[in-house]
N, C-alpha and C. Protein backbone atom coordinates (compact mmCIF):
# COMPACT_ATOMS: atom_id res chain seq x y z
N MET A 1 50.56 33.23 10.58
CA MET A 1 49.74 33.96 11.53
C MET A 1 48.42 33.93 10.88
N LYS A 2 48.09 33.83 9.93
CA LYS A 2 47.16 33.40 8.56
C LYS A 2 46.42 32.05 9.20
N PRO A 3 46.85 31.28 9.58
CA PRO A 3 46.19 29.50 9.65
C PRO A 3 45.96 29.70 11.05
N THR A 4 46.36 30.73 12.08
CA THR A 4 45.89 30.53 13.45
C THR A 4 44.51 31.83 13.41
N LEU A 5 44.61 32.59 12.28
CA LEU A 5 43.30 33.31 12.23
C LEU A 5 42.33 32.67 11.73
N ILE A 6 42.29 32.01 10.82
CA ILE A 6 41.26 30.91 10.33
C ILE A 6 41.01 30.48 10.98
N LEU A 7 41.61 29.79 11.87
CA LEU A 7 41.58 28.44 12.46
C LEU A 7 40.36 29.34 13.79
N CYS A 8 41.03 30.28 14.40
CA CYS A 8 39.67 30.89 15.35
C CYS A 8 38.55 31.41 14.64
N CYS A 9 38.20 31.66 13.57
CA CYS A 9 37.12 31.93 13.05
C CYS A 9 36.83 30.70 12.66
N PHE A 10 37.26 29.74 12.18
CA PHE A 10 36.71 28.35 12.07
C PHE A 10 35.90 27.79 13.30
N LEU A 11 36.35 27.91 14.43
CA LEU A 11 35.86 27.73 15.66
C LEU A 11 34.78 28.44 16.16
N ILE A 12 35.09 29.91 16.19
CA ILE A 12 34.01 30.63 16.49
C ILE A 12 32.64 30.36 15.49
N ILE A 13 32.81 30.46 14.21
CA ILE A 13 31.52 29.96 13.74
C ILE A 13 31.23 28.91 14.02
N PHE A 14 32.05 27.59 14.25
CA PHE A 14 31.79 26.17 14.42
C PHE A 14 30.99 26.49 16.37
N SER A 15 31.23 26.87 17.35
CA SER A 15 30.57 27.22 18.18
C SER A 15 28.90 28.03 18.23
N CYS A 16 28.80 28.68 17.26
CA CYS A 16 27.73 29.30 17.39
C CYS A 16 26.68 28.87 16.55
N ASN A 17 27.30 27.42 15.60
CA ASN A 17 26.14 26.99 14.93
C ASN A 17 25.80 25.86 15.36
N LYS A 18 26.08 25.61 16.99
CA LYS A 18 25.67 24.31 17.30
C LYS A 18 24.14 24.60 17.43
N GLU A 19 23.68 23.17 17.27
CA GLU A 19 22.13 22.87 17.38
C GLU A 19 21.66 22.77 18.70
N LYS A 20 20.90 23.33 19.41
CA LYS A 20 20.02 23.32 20.55
C LYS A 20 18.93 22.44 20.56
N THR A 21 18.90 21.03 21.42
CA THR A 21 18.17 20.01 21.10
C THR A 21 16.64 20.52 22.09
N ILE A 22 15.89 20.57 21.25
CA ILE A 22 14.41 21.06 21.60
C ILE A 22 13.23 20.28 21.88
N LEU A 23 13.10 19.86 22.97
CA LEU A 23 12.14 18.80 23.41
C LEU A 23 10.61 18.99 23.11
N GLU A 24 9.73 18.63 22.27
CA GLU A 24 8.65 19.17 22.03
C GLU A 24 7.67 18.11 22.48
N LYS A 25 6.83 18.08 23.37
CA LYS A 25 5.93 17.13 23.86
C LYS A 25 4.99 16.86 22.54
N PRO A 26 4.22 15.42 22.45
CA PRO A 26 3.71 15.20 21.61
C PRO A 26 2.26 15.90 21.63
N SER A 27 1.63 16.55 20.99
CA SER A 27 0.52 17.45 21.49
C SER A 27 -0.53 16.60 20.76
N PHE A 28 0.08 15.63 20.02
CA PHE A 28 -1.21 14.86 19.03
C PHE A 28 -1.60 13.98 20.09
N LEU A 29 -1.37 13.82 21.04
CA LEU A 29 -2.43 13.35 22.27
C LEU A 29 -3.07 13.17 22.86
N ILE A 30 -3.33 14.87 23.30
CA ILE A 30 -4.29 15.55 24.01
C ILE A 30 -5.74 15.28 23.58
N GLY A 31 -6.83 15.13 23.93
CA GLY A 31 -8.14 14.93 24.12
C GLY A 31 -8.18 13.51 24.66
N LYS A 32 -9.96 13.15 24.45
CA LYS A 32 -10.23 11.98 25.22
C LYS A 32 -10.62 11.04 24.20
N TRP A 33 -9.98 9.90 24.73
CA TRP A 33 -10.08 8.74 23.90
C TRP A 33 -10.62 7.64 24.19
N ILE A 34 -11.61 6.88 23.22
CA ILE A 34 -12.36 5.73 23.45
C ILE A 34 -11.39 4.30 22.62
N ARG A 35 -11.43 3.21 23.26
CA ARG A 35 -10.94 2.22 22.50
C ARG A 35 -11.90 1.97 21.76
N VAL A 36 -11.81 1.60 20.63
CA VAL A 36 -12.03 0.73 19.50
C VAL A 36 -11.54 -0.98 19.35
N GLU A 37 -12.17 -1.78 18.70
CA GLU A 37 -11.88 -3.01 18.34
C GLU A 37 -11.49 -3.62 19.71
N LYS A 38 -12.51 -3.80 20.75
CA LYS A 38 -12.26 -4.26 21.35
C LYS A 38 -12.83 -5.76 21.52
N ALA A 39 -12.26 -6.81 21.76
CA ALA A 39 -12.82 -8.30 21.82
C ALA A 39 -14.02 -8.71 23.26
N ASP A 40 -13.84 -8.09 24.16
CA ASP A 40 -14.56 -8.40 25.34
C ASP A 40 -15.37 -7.35 25.78
N SER A 41 -16.34 -7.17 26.86
CA SER A 41 -16.90 -6.14 27.11
C SER A 41 -16.58 -5.32 27.90
N THR A 42 -14.97 -4.90 27.65
CA THR A 42 -14.65 -4.18 28.68
C THR A 42 -14.69 -2.49 27.84
N LEU A 43 -14.89 -1.28 28.43
CA LEU A 43 -14.83 -0.09 28.29
C LEU A 43 -13.46 0.64 28.46
N THR A 44 -12.63 0.89 27.45
CA THR A 44 -10.89 1.27 27.76
C THR A 44 -11.13 2.73 27.28
N LEU A 45 -10.98 3.98 28.19
CA LEU A 45 -10.86 5.26 28.04
C LEU A 45 -9.33 5.83 28.36
N GLU A 46 -8.49 6.83 27.32
CA GLU A 46 -7.75 7.45 28.29
C GLU A 46 -7.59 8.66 27.60
N THR A 47 -7.05 9.83 28.76
CA THR A 47 -7.61 10.98 28.88
C THR A 47 -6.18 11.60 28.55
N TRP A 48 -5.86 12.70 27.84
CA TRP A 48 -4.77 13.44 27.71
C TRP A 48 -4.84 14.93 27.96
N HIS A 49 -4.57 15.70 28.93
CA HIS A 49 -4.48 17.29 29.41
C HIS A 49 -3.34 17.89 28.76
N LYS A 50 -3.70 19.23 28.32
CA LYS A 50 -3.01 19.77 27.58
C LYS A 50 -1.35 20.13 28.38
N ASN A 51 -1.42 19.61 29.80
CA ASN A 51 -0.29 19.59 30.62
C ASN A 51 0.50 18.23 30.11
N PHE A 52 -0.08 17.51 29.81
CA PHE A 52 0.61 16.32 29.30
C PHE A 52 0.62 15.63 30.50
N THR A 53 -0.43 15.33 31.28
CA THR A 53 -0.48 14.44 32.33
C THR A 53 -1.87 13.40 31.89
N GLY A 54 -2.12 12.37 31.82
CA GLY A 54 -2.89 11.80 31.63
C GLY A 54 -3.45 10.47 32.17
N GLU A 55 -4.87 10.02 32.08
CA GLU A 55 -5.42 9.18 32.63
C GLU A 55 -5.76 7.49 31.69
N GLY A 56 -5.69 6.21 31.77
CA GLY A 56 -6.02 5.46 31.21
C GLY A 56 -6.91 4.29 32.48
N ILE A 57 -8.10 4.06 31.61
CA ILE A 57 -9.02 3.22 32.54
C ILE A 57 -9.50 2.42 31.73
N THR A 58 -10.10 1.11 32.49
CA THR A 58 -10.67 -0.16 32.07
C THR A 58 -11.65 -0.25 32.64
N LEU A 59 -13.22 -0.39 32.00
CA LEU A 59 -14.51 -0.48 33.19
C LEU A 59 -14.95 -1.78 32.64
N LYS A 60 -15.23 -2.55 33.44
CA LYS A 60 -16.30 -3.55 33.31
C LYS A 60 -17.32 -3.40 33.84
N GLY A 61 -18.25 -2.90 33.19
CA GLY A 61 -19.71 -2.70 33.64
C GLY A 61 -19.09 -1.46 34.48
N LYS A 62 -19.67 -1.55 35.91
CA LYS A 62 -19.28 -0.24 36.80
C LYS A 62 -17.95 -0.22 37.57
N ASP A 63 -17.23 -1.11 37.13
CA ASP A 63 -16.15 -1.66 37.84
C ASP A 63 -14.98 -1.94 37.17
N THR A 64 -13.93 -0.84 37.86
CA THR A 64 -12.63 -0.35 37.12
C THR A 64 -11.92 -1.53 37.29
N THR A 65 -10.98 -2.15 36.33
CA THR A 65 -10.66 -3.28 36.29
C THR A 65 -8.78 -2.86 35.89
N PHE A 66 -8.99 -1.80 35.40
CA PHE A 66 -7.36 -1.18 35.51
C PHE A 66 -7.28 0.13 35.45
N TYR A 67 -6.10 0.73 35.98
CA TYR A 67 -6.28 2.01 36.02
C TYR A 67 -4.77 2.32 36.21
N GLU A 68 -4.44 3.73 35.48
CA GLU A 68 -2.97 4.21 35.84
C GLU A 68 -3.01 5.69 35.13
N GLN A 69 -2.47 6.47 35.82
CA GLN A 69 -1.83 7.44 35.21
C GLN A 69 -0.56 7.71 34.91
N MET A 70 -0.53 8.85 33.69
CA MET A 70 0.84 9.02 32.98
C MET A 70 0.88 10.46 32.90
N GLU A 71 2.25 11.01 32.74
CA GLU A 71 2.59 12.12 32.54
C GLU A 71 3.96 12.13 31.70
N ILE A 72 3.78 12.93 30.51
CA ILE A 72 5.27 13.15 30.05
C ILE A 72 6.27 14.33 30.34
N ILE A 73 7.42 14.28 30.89
CA ILE A 73 8.49 14.61 31.25
C ILE A 73 9.65 15.29 31.09
N ASN A 74 10.19 16.01 31.66
CA ASN A 74 11.81 16.20 30.89
C ASN A 74 12.75 16.12 32.10
N LEU A 75 13.72 15.17 31.64
CA LEU A 75 14.73 14.82 32.69
C LEU A 75 15.64 14.74 31.85
N LYS A 76 16.79 15.72 32.66
CA LYS A 76 17.91 16.37 31.89
C LYS A 76 18.04 16.57 30.26
N ASP A 77 16.93 17.07 29.78
CA ASP A 77 17.12 17.08 28.82
C ASP A 77 16.48 16.02 27.90
N THR A 78 15.99 15.16 28.26
CA THR A 78 15.36 13.77 27.37
C THR A 78 13.55 13.61 28.21
N LEU A 79 12.57 13.34 27.07
CA LEU A 79 11.63 13.05 27.38
C LEU A 79 11.29 11.75 28.06
N TYR A 80 10.47 11.54 28.89
CA TYR A 80 10.23 10.43 29.68
C TYR A 80 8.51 10.33 29.81
N LEU A 81 7.91 8.80 29.65
CA LEU A 81 7.02 8.82 29.46
C LEU A 81 6.57 8.28 31.68
N LYS A 82 6.10 8.69 32.20
CA LYS A 82 6.06 8.26 33.81
C LYS A 82 5.05 7.68 33.65
N VAL A 83 4.51 6.42 34.43
CA VAL A 83 3.34 5.60 34.61
C VAL A 83 3.67 5.19 35.94
N THR A 84 2.25 5.61 36.54
CA THR A 84 2.53 5.59 37.92
C THR A 84 0.71 4.50 38.25
N GLY A 85 0.44 4.07 39.32
CA GLY A 85 -0.94 2.90 39.56
C GLY A 85 -0.75 1.65 39.05
N VAL A 86 0.32 1.26 38.23
CA VAL A 86 0.33 -0.02 38.31
C VAL A 86 1.55 -0.81 38.59
N ASN A 87 2.49 -0.26 39.19
CA ASN A 87 3.33 -0.73 40.06
C ASN A 87 3.72 -0.10 41.51
N GLU A 88 4.41 -0.73 42.33
CA GLU A 88 4.41 0.34 43.64
C GLU A 88 5.05 1.66 43.44
N THR A 89 6.04 1.73 42.83
CA THR A 89 6.98 2.75 42.23
C THR A 89 6.37 3.29 40.45
N ALA A 90 7.01 4.61 40.52
CA ALA A 90 6.56 4.99 39.36
C ALA A 90 7.51 4.13 37.71
N THR A 91 7.42 4.43 36.89
CA THR A 91 8.15 3.86 35.95
C THR A 91 8.05 4.53 34.71
N LEU A 92 9.48 5.03 34.32
CA LEU A 92 10.09 6.13 33.39
C LEU A 92 10.11 4.91 32.30
N PHE A 93 9.53 5.35 31.32
CA PHE A 93 9.93 5.16 29.72
C PHE A 93 10.92 6.11 29.04
N LYS A 94 12.32 5.88 28.46
CA LYS A 94 12.61 6.86 27.47
C LYS A 94 12.32 7.15 26.56
N PHE A 95 12.05 8.53 25.93
CA PHE A 95 11.72 8.76 24.48
C PHE A 95 12.66 8.06 23.85
N THR A 96 12.46 7.16 22.89
CA THR A 96 13.76 6.73 21.90
C THR A 96 13.60 7.29 20.30
N LYS A 97 12.76 7.93 19.99
CA LYS A 97 12.10 8.09 18.60
C LYS A 97 10.88 8.96 18.22
N GLN A 98 11.08 10.02 17.49
CA GLN A 98 9.72 10.79 17.89
C GLN A 98 9.64 11.59 16.32
N THR A 99 8.15 11.53 16.16
CA THR A 99 8.35 12.33 15.03
C THR A 99 6.65 13.50 15.23
N ASP A 100 6.19 14.05 14.54
CA ASP A 100 5.07 14.98 14.76
C ASP A 100 4.20 14.32 15.22
N THR A 101 3.81 12.91 14.66
CA THR A 101 2.57 12.24 15.15
C THR A 101 3.03 10.99 15.79
N SER A 102 3.91 10.72 16.58
CA SER A 102 4.58 9.55 16.69
C SER A 102 5.83 9.57 17.93
N PHE A 103 5.59 8.43 18.63
CA PHE A 103 6.60 8.34 19.70
C PHE A 103 6.90 6.99 20.23
N ILE A 104 8.30 6.56 20.28
CA ILE A 104 8.15 5.28 21.23
C ILE A 104 9.11 5.50 22.08
N CYS A 105 8.77 5.02 23.22
CA CYS A 105 9.68 4.94 24.42
C CYS A 105 10.00 3.78 24.90
N GLU A 106 11.17 3.68 25.54
CA GLU A 106 11.23 2.49 26.26
C GLU A 106 11.63 2.14 27.82
N ASN A 107 11.95 0.90 28.19
CA ASN A 107 12.47 0.36 29.41
C ASN A 107 12.86 -0.37 29.65
N LEU A 108 14.14 -1.19 28.94
CA LEU A 108 14.43 -2.56 28.77
C LEU A 108 14.08 -3.12 30.36
N GLU A 109 14.42 -2.56 31.48
CA GLU A 109 14.49 -3.32 32.64
C GLU A 109 13.08 -3.89 33.25
N ASN A 110 12.05 -2.87 32.44
CA ASN A 110 10.77 -3.24 32.92
C ASN A 110 10.17 -4.33 32.51
N GLU A 111 9.55 -5.22 33.57
CA GLU A 111 9.17 -6.96 32.46
C GLU A 111 8.21 -6.57 31.57
N PHE A 112 6.78 -6.10 31.87
CA PHE A 112 6.16 -5.54 30.63
C PHE A 112 5.35 -4.39 30.91
N PRO A 113 5.34 -3.43 30.11
CA PRO A 113 6.08 -3.65 28.22
C PRO A 113 7.68 -3.42 28.81
N THR A 114 8.34 -3.23 27.59
CA THR A 114 9.41 -2.65 27.80
C THR A 114 9.52 -1.51 27.02
N LYS A 115 8.59 -1.46 25.61
CA LYS A 115 8.26 -0.78 24.46
C LYS A 115 6.80 -0.17 24.86
N ILE A 116 6.69 1.21 24.33
CA ILE A 116 5.64 1.64 24.23
C ILE A 116 5.64 2.56 22.89
N LYS A 117 4.44 2.53 22.09
CA LYS A 117 4.51 3.21 20.84
C LYS A 117 3.20 3.81 20.50
N TYR A 118 3.30 5.21 20.55
CA TYR A 118 1.96 5.76 20.06
C TYR A 118 2.21 6.31 18.69
N TYR A 119 0.74 6.41 18.17
CA TYR A 119 1.37 7.53 16.76
C TYR A 119 -0.59 7.48 16.50
N LEU A 120 -0.79 8.37 15.30
CA LEU A 120 -1.83 8.84 14.99
C LEU A 120 -1.84 8.12 13.60
N GLU A 121 -2.92 7.53 13.18
CA GLU A 121 -3.34 7.28 11.75
C GLU A 121 -4.95 7.24 11.34
N ASN A 122 -4.80 8.22 10.47
CA ASN A 122 -6.35 8.17 9.98
C ASN A 122 -7.35 8.40 10.72
N LYS A 123 -6.93 9.33 11.88
CA LYS A 123 -7.44 10.35 12.84
C LYS A 123 -8.02 9.49 14.04
N LEU A 124 -7.17 8.20 14.16
CA LEU A 124 -7.08 7.27 15.13
C LEU A 124 -5.72 7.30 15.98
N LEU A 125 -5.95 7.45 17.10
CA LEU A 125 -4.53 7.06 18.05
C LEU A 125 -4.43 5.73 18.43
N LYS A 126 -3.48 5.22 18.00
CA LYS A 126 -3.16 4.23 17.87
C LYS A 126 -1.74 3.85 19.32
N ALA A 127 -1.90 2.86 19.21
CA ALA A 127 -0.85 2.36 20.92
C ALA A 127 -0.13 0.85 20.88
N GLU A 128 0.68 0.78 20.99
CA GLU A 128 1.37 -0.71 20.97
C GLU A 128 2.18 -0.73 22.47
N VAL A 129 1.91 -1.55 23.11
CA VAL A 129 2.65 -2.17 23.79
C VAL A 129 3.35 -3.63 23.97
N SER A 130 4.89 -3.32 24.56
CA SER A 130 5.10 -4.76 23.90
C SER A 130 6.49 -5.28 24.77
N ASN A 131 6.98 -6.22 24.29
CA ASN A 131 8.53 -6.94 25.10
C ASN A 131 8.66 -7.57 23.79
N ASN A 132 9.69 -8.14 24.42
CA ASN A 132 10.17 -9.07 23.14
C ASN A 132 9.36 -10.47 22.68
N ASP A 133 8.44 -10.69 23.54
CA ASP A 133 7.69 -11.88 23.32
C ASP A 133 6.08 -12.19 23.13
N PHE A 134 5.70 -10.57 23.59
CA PHE A 134 4.47 -10.36 23.51
C PHE A 134 4.10 -8.64 23.03
N LYS A 135 2.74 -8.70 22.63
CA LYS A 135 2.59 -7.05 22.28
C LYS A 135 0.74 -6.94 22.36
N ILE A 136 0.65 -6.08 23.04
CA ILE A 136 -0.92 -5.78 22.77
C ILE A 136 -1.30 -4.50 21.76
N ASP A 137 -2.21 -3.99 21.06
CA ASP A 137 -2.49 -3.22 20.49
C ASP A 137 -3.43 -2.64 20.73
N PHE A 138 -3.82 -1.45 21.00
CA PHE A 138 -4.95 -0.24 21.25
C PHE A 138 -4.82 0.60 20.21
N VAL A 139 -6.38 0.92 19.64
CA VAL A 139 -7.14 1.63 18.74
C VAL A 139 -8.29 2.71 19.51
N PHE A 140 -7.99 3.80 19.53
CA PHE A 140 -8.53 5.01 20.08
C PHE A 140 -9.29 5.70 19.10
N LYS A 141 -10.68 6.13 19.12
CA LYS A 141 -10.94 7.23 18.16
C LYS A 141 -10.98 8.63 19.52
N LYS A 142 -11.30 9.53 19.04
CA LYS A 142 -11.80 10.86 20.19
C LYS A 142 -13.42 10.88 20.31
N ARG A 143 -13.92 11.10 21.75
CA ARG A 143 -14.93 10.67 21.91
C ARG A 143 -15.50 12.42 22.39
């Protein structure tokens, strides 16, 4: 009888001690950012709102040369970066690593990029978009 009671107590304690996954969206992104360290005459801006939607835009003079909409969403207890405006349909990048000041998200089926990394370093927002063969670095400061 005692072993059964001990086993029941152990199971109750173990089941009550389960950790729940808390998905914290990366609040370090929020703000208006302007790209620094660019080699050409383009202007790249990125804006992230409190609802974790954002826009990225590149201008050459008054002409828009690139535009994308971004959103951090929760699907089935997993965070994703959803990117629209680049391809015909939205592309989802699954969060694979996250800290208070960084995250990496991936979609190995996408041609480019397959990996996106955002992180804060010395008050600068840095981003890397890459695949196995190529990488583009972005450095932004708050505007």
